[in-house]
């Protein structure tokens, strides 16, 4: 996966061809159950690989809350905001971004609390996976969502060249308007991944596991009065510190993701130029 290159012209053509400006959310996101190719129980690993076309990939996971209160976010991204995300990165010199879209829900109440796309680069393929997401519109009244399933999948079921070849961490963004469950029970891990054996893990520990190869962020959208209340933010600040980001205008979320990546990603050439001693990374053994 990950072939092709994003361009604003290709995105505009795609949006016009699909007539997105005149379609409702339901007409764009037509799945009424989880797409078989996005079933996490069948996804041993999602790969983000370098290639001749993309020699220095940067792996980015965008995990979108698809419960009842949050369906407007994937709709906005697919209709308008892909250039804010991919185009902004490329304009800033990050020429090989690969983005994996996840759908996240409530693993207590929802039928499809984890949906996994593929790491992609082109407008066509990013659109393909994003619009396959099942906007279940569920969630419960428990003031919690399964955002930690994104940390679990990133930590245990992705393989990314930016980390494995160059020790550059990828980026993981969860986006929503609620707190996260305090742990992932073992039976949930077995039900929604391909793992045959599992142990319950706390959210704090699965985040730490994901942080071994990803810069981990959560974006809390203050899109209504309810979502602005402190109890709706839970303990994200304690879990992530400054990587917990509050966003007042949901239409800026794609650009904010790009800005965070631009601010925190260091090109490989820049990191190697400062590491010249024999004790530092031997670049030739990593490529």
Protein backbone atom coordinates (compact mmCIF):
# COMPACT_ATOMS: atom_id res chain seq x y z
CA UNK A 1 0.00 0.00 0.00
CA UNK A 2 1.00 3.66 -0.08
CA UNK A 3 1.51 4.06 -3.83
CA UNK A 4 0.67 7.19 -5.77
CA UNK A 5 1.24 10.82 -4.86
CA UNK A 6 -1.21 13.36 -3.51
CA UNK A 7 -1.94 16.52 -5.46
CA UNK A 8 -4.52 19.23 -4.92
CA UNK A 9 -5.53 18.97 -8.58
CA UNK A 10 -6.21 15.24 -8.25
CA UNK A 11 -8.23 15.86 -5.11
CA UNK A 12 -10.30 18.60 -6.76
CA UNK A 13 -10.98 16.35 -9.73
CA UNK A 14 -12.01 13.48 -7.46
CA UNK A 15 -14.29 15.70 -5.39
CA UNK A 16 -15.93 17.04 -8.54
CA UNK A 17 -16.30 13.59 -10.12
CA UNK A 18 -17.96 12.24 -6.99
CA UNK A 19 -20.08 15.39 -6.60
CA UNK A 20 -19.26 15.61 -2.90
CA UNK A 21 -20.49 19.18 -2.56
CA UNK A 22 -24.03 18.04 -3.35
CA UNK A 23 -24.05 14.81 -1.34
CA UNK A 24 -25.14 14.19 2.21
CA UNK A 25 -23.06 12.30 4.74
CA UNK A 26 -25.19 9.20 4.23
CA UNK A 27 -24.69 9.35 0.46
CA UNK A 28 -20.90 9.45 0.86
CA UNK A 29 -20.49 6.98 3.71
CA UNK A 30 -22.67 4.18 2.42
CA UNK A 31 -21.42 1.30 4.59
CA UNK A 32 -24.10 -0.10 6.90
CA UNK A 33 -21.75 -2.47 8.66
CA UNK A 34 -18.00 -2.91 8.88
CA UNK A 35 -16.25 -3.32 5.54
CA UNK A 36 -14.63 -6.75 5.33
CA UNK A 37 -11.29 -5.19 4.33
CA UNK A 38 -11.34 -2.98 7.44
CA UNK A 39 -12.02 -5.81 9.90
CA UNK A 40 -9.23 -5.65 12.51
CA UNK A 41 -9.56 -9.35 13.31
CA UNK A 42 -8.18 -10.05 9.84
CA UNK A 43 -5.43 -7.43 9.98
CA UNK A 44 -2.26 -9.00 11.31
CA UNK A 45 -0.24 -5.91 10.37
CA UNK A 46 -0.61 -2.67 8.42
CA UNK A 47 2.61 -1.60 6.74
CA UNK A 48 4.02 1.81 5.84
CA UNK A 49 6.96 1.17 3.55
CA UNK A 50 9.55 3.23 1.71
CA UNK A 51 9.74 2.84 -2.05
CA UNK A 52 11.41 4.42 -5.06
CA UNK A 53 8.39 6.71 -5.30
CA UNK A 54 8.38 7.45 -1.55
CA UNK A 55 11.96 7.08 -0.26
CA UNK A 56 11.45 8.74 3.14
CA UNK A 57 7.96 7.91 4.37
CA UNK A 58 6.37 9.49 7.43
CA UNK A 59 3.67 7.27 8.93
CA UNK A 60 0.58 9.03 10.31
CA UNK A 61 -2.43 7.35 11.91
CA UNK A 62 -5.65 9.39 12.17
CA UNK A 63 -8.19 7.65 14.39
CA UNK A 64 -11.65 9.17 14.03
CA UNK A 65 -14.47 8.81 16.54
CA UNK A 66 -17.42 7.52 14.46
CA UNK A 67 -20.03 7.46 17.22
CA UNK A 68 -23.23 9.47 17.04
CA UNK A 69 -21.82 12.84 17.99
CA UNK A 70 -18.79 12.82 15.71
CA UNK A 71 -19.72 11.79 12.15
CA UNK A 72 -19.28 15.34 10.90
CA UNK A 73 -15.47 15.07 11.19
CA UNK A 74 -14.83 12.37 8.56
CA UNK A 75 -17.44 14.09 6.37
CA UNK A 76 -15.55 17.38 6.57
CA UNK A 77 -12.20 15.73 5.87
CA UNK A 78 -13.39 13.89 2.78
CA UNK A 79 -15.35 16.85 1.40
CA UNK A 80 -12.86 19.62 2.06
CA UNK A 81 -9.87 19.01 4.28
CA UNK A 82 -7.55 16.43 2.69
CA UNK A 83 -5.44 19.26 1.19
CA UNK A 84 -5.18 20.80 4.67
CA UNK A 85 -3.64 17.56 5.85
CA UNK A 86 -1.58 16.06 3.02
CA UNK A 87 -1.02 19.19 0.94
CA UNK A 88 0.24 21.17 3.94
CA UNK A 89 2.76 18.48 4.79
CA UNK A 90 4.12 18.31 1.27
CA UNK A 91 4.36 22.09 1.01
CA UNK A 92 6.43 22.05 4.21
CA UNK A 93 8.90 19.60 2.69
CA UNK A 94 7.48 16.37 4.12
CA UNK A 95 7.09 14.83 0.68
CA UNK A 96 6.24 11.23 1.55
CA UNK A 97 3.43 11.18 4.14
CA UNK A 98 1.43 7.98 4.42
CA UNK A 99 -1.85 8.18 6.30
CA UNK A 100 -3.86 5.35 7.85
CA UNK A 101 -7.46 6.14 8.79
CA UNK A 102 -9.06 4.26 11.68
CA UNK A 103 -12.66 4.31 12.83
CA UNK A 104 -13.11 4.24 16.61
CA UNK A 105 -16.23 3.58 18.69
CA UNK A 106 -17.42 2.26 22.05
CA UNK A 107 -16.22 -1.31 22.58
CA UNK A 108 -18.94 -1.93 25.16
CA UNK A 109 -21.93 -0.93 23.03
CA UNK A 110 -20.85 -0.79 19.37
CA UNK A 111 -20.64 -3.58 16.80
CA UNK A 112 -17.58 -2.08 15.05
CA UNK A 113 -15.51 -0.13 17.60
CA UNK A 114 -12.31 -0.54 15.56
CA UNK A 115 -12.04 -0.26 11.77
CA UNK A 116 -8.67 -0.18 10.03
CA UNK A 117 -7.73 1.18 6.61
CA UNK A 118 -4.31 1.08 4.98
CA UNK A 119 -1.40 3.52 4.93
CA UNK A 120 -1.90 5.53 1.74
CA UNK A 121 -0.48 8.57 -0.05
CA UNK A 122 -2.73 9.44 -3.01
CA UNK A 123 -6.02 11.33 -2.95
CA UNK A 124 -7.83 8.42 -4.59
CA UNK A 125 -6.69 5.81 -2.09
CA UNK A 126 -7.08 8.03 0.97
CA UNK A 127 -10.62 8.77 -0.19
CA UNK A 128 -11.27 5.10 -0.81
CA UNK A 129 -10.45 4.00 2.74
CA UNK A 130 -11.97 6.99 4.48
CA UNK A 131 -15.33 6.64 2.73
CA UNK A 132 -15.43 2.91 3.49
CA UNK A 133 -15.60 3.67 7.21
CA UNK A 134 -18.89 2.58 8.75
CA UNK A 135 -20.31 5.61 10.59
CA UNK A 136 -22.06 3.44 13.14
CA UNK A 137 -23.36 6.43 15.06
CA UNK A 138 -23.45 4.43 18.27
CA UNK A 139 -21.67 4.98 21.52
CA UNK A 140 -23.23 4.70 24.93
CA UNK A 141 -24.13 6.97 27.82
CA UNK A 142 -20.97 6.01 29.69
CA UNK A 143 -18.95 9.17 28.89
CA UNK A 144 -16.11 7.04 27.46
CA UNK A 145 -14.98 5.76 24.06
CA UNK A 146 -12.48 3.14 22.93
CA UNK A 147 -9.77 5.48 21.67
CA UNK A 148 -7.26 3.14 23.31
CA UNK A 149 -8.00 0.58 20.58
CA UNK A 150 -6.09 2.91 18.25
CA UNK A 151 -3.08 2.80 20.58
CA UNK A 152 -3.36 -0.99 20.74
CA UNK A 153 -3.48 -1.39 16.96
CA UNK A 154 -0.66 1.08 16.36
CA UNK A 155 1.59 -0.56 18.94
CA UNK A 156 1.03 -4.20 18.00
CA UNK A 157 -0.27 -4.33 14.45
CA UNK A 158 1.67 -1.78 12.41
CA UNK A 159 5.14 -1.95 10.86
CA UNK A 160 6.57 1.39 9.73
CA UNK A 161 9.82 2.08 7.91
CA UNK A 162 10.28 5.57 9.31
CA UNK A 163 10.87 3.95 12.70
CA UNK A 164 12.37 0.62 11.70
CA UNK A 165 14.87 2.08 9.22
CA UNK A 166 15.54 5.58 10.52
CA UNK A 167 14.34 5.68 14.15
CA UNK A 168 11.97 8.51 13.26
CA UNK A 169 8.74 8.07 15.16
CA UNK A 170 5.45 8.07 13.32
CA UNK A 171 2.43 10.07 14.48
CA UNK A 172 -0.81 8.84 16.03
CA UNK A 173 -3.78 11.16 16.46
CA UNK A 174 -7.01 10.16 18.15
CA UNK A 175 -9.85 12.64 17.60
CA UNK A 176 -13.02 12.82 19.66
CA UNK A 177 -15.08 14.52 22.33
CA UNK A 178 -15.05 12.12 25.31
CA UNK A 179 -12.70 10.51 27.82
CA UNK A 180 -11.07 7.16 27.11
CA UNK A 181 -11.79 3.86 28.85
CA UNK A 182 -9.29 3.24 31.69
CA UNK A 183 -8.23 -0.13 30.28
CA UNK A 184 -8.76 -2.64 27.48
CA UNK A 185 -10.05 -5.95 28.85
CA UNK A 186 -8.41 -9.11 27.55
CA UNK A 187 -11.64 -10.32 25.97
CA UNK A 188 -11.95 -7.05 24.02
CA UNK A 189 -8.41 -7.43 22.67
CA UNK A 190 -9.21 -10.97 21.50
CA UNK A 191 -12.57 -9.93 20.05
CA UNK A 192 -11.34 -6.95 18.03
CA UNK A 193 -7.83 -7.96 16.96
CA UNK A 194 -6.28 -11.12 15.55
CA UNK A 195 -4.68 -11.96 18.92
CA UNK A 196 -5.57 -15.43 20.17
CA UNK A 197 -4.22 -14.77 23.65
CA UNK A 198 -4.30 -11.49 25.56
CA UNK A 199 -4.07 -9.85 28.93
CA UNK A 200 -5.98 -6.80 30.15
CA UNK A 201 -3.88 -3.66 29.77
CA UNK A 202 -4.36 -0.17 31.17
CA UNK A 203 -4.75 2.78 28.84
CA UNK A 204 -1.66 4.36 30.37
CA UNK A 205 0.43 1.31 29.52
CA UNK A 206 -0.89 0.81 25.99
CA UNK A 207 -0.17 4.47 25.27
CA UNK A 208 3.39 3.95 26.49
CA UNK A 209 3.65 0.93 24.21
CA UNK A 210 2.45 2.98 21.23
CA UNK A 211 4.85 5.78 22.16
CA UNK A 212 7.79 3.47 21.52
CA UNK A 213 7.38 4.12 17.78
CA UNK A 214 4.77 6.91 17.54
CA UNK A 215 4.37 10.47 18.77
CA UNK A 216 0.93 10.13 20.37
CA UNK A 217 -1.63 12.96 20.48
CA UNK A 218 -5.31 13.32 21.32
CA UNK A 219 -7.42 16.14 19.86
CA UNK A 220 -10.50 16.97 21.87
CA UNK A 221 -13.09 18.79 19.78
CA UNK A 222 -15.10 21.44 21.62
CA UNK A 223 -17.87 21.43 19.02
CA UNK A 224 -20.78 22.08 21.42
CA UNK A 225 -21.40 23.19 24.98
CA UNK A 226 -21.46 19.61 26.25
CA UNK A 227 -18.03 18.80 24.83
CA UNK A 228 -16.54 21.89 26.52
CA UNK A 229 -17.27 20.58 30.01
CA UNK A 230 -14.28 19.41 32.00
CA UNK A 231 -15.69 15.95 32.73
CA UNK A 232 -15.85 15.34 28.98
CA UNK A 233 -12.07 15.74 28.79
CA UNK A 234 -11.40 13.03 31.36
CA UNK A 235 -7.77 12.42 32.23
CA UNK A 236 -6.33 13.02 28.76
CA UNK A 237 -4.10 15.79 30.11
CA UNK A 238 -2.62 13.46 32.71
CA UNK A 239 -2.07 10.76 30.09
CA UNK A 240 -0.53 12.93 27.36
CA UNK A 241 0.51 16.26 28.86
CA UNK A 242 1.04 18.86 26.14
CA UNK A 243 0.08 16.26 23.53
CA UNK A 244 -3.53 16.68 24.61
CA UNK A 245 -4.85 19.39 22.28
CA UNK A 246 -8.19 21.17 22.64
CA UNK A 247 -9.70 22.41 19.37
CA UNK A 248 -12.54 24.90 19.29
CA UNK A 249 -13.21 24.77 15.53
CA UNK A 250 -13.45 21.23 14.14
CA UNK A 251 -12.83 22.57 10.63
CA UNK A 252 -9.21 23.26 11.60
CA UNK A 253 -8.45 19.71 12.75
CA UNK A 254 -6.76 18.51 9.54
CA UNK A 255 -4.54 21.59 9.40
CA UNK A 256 -3.70 21.20 13.09
CA UNK A 257 -2.61 17.61 12.48
CA UNK A 258 -0.33 18.81 9.68
CA UNK A 259 1.06 21.59 11.87
CA UNK A 260 1.88 19.15 14.69
CA UNK A 261 3.69 16.81 12.30
CA UNK A 262 5.61 19.70 10.73
CA UNK A 263 6.67 20.99 14.15
CA UNK A 264 7.78 17.62 15.50
CA UNK A 265 9.19 15.69 12.52
CA UNK A 266 12.89 16.03 11.79
CA UNK A 267 14.09 15.00 8.32
CA UNK A 268 16.47 12.08 8.37
CA UNK A 269 19.25 14.14 6.82
CA UNK A 270 19.00 16.64 9.67
CA UNK A 271 19.22 13.97 12.35
CA UNK A 272 22.16 12.18 10.76
CA UNK A 273 24.17 15.36 10.28
CA UNK A 274 24.28 15.84 14.05
CA UNK A 275 25.24 12.23 14.81
CA UNK A 276 28.80 11.72 13.67
CA UNK A 277 30.44 9.70 16.45
CA UNK A 278 31.13 5.97 16.10
CA UNK A 279 28.68 5.29 18.91
CA UNK A 280 25.78 6.79 17.00
CA UNK A 281 23.41 5.01 14.64
CA UNK A 282 25.12 3.29 11.75
CA UNK A 283 22.97 4.56 8.94
CA UNK A 284 24.12 2.04 6.41
CA UNK A 285 22.87 -0.81 8.60
CA UNK A 286 19.44 0.78 8.91
CA UNK A 287 18.70 1.23 5.21
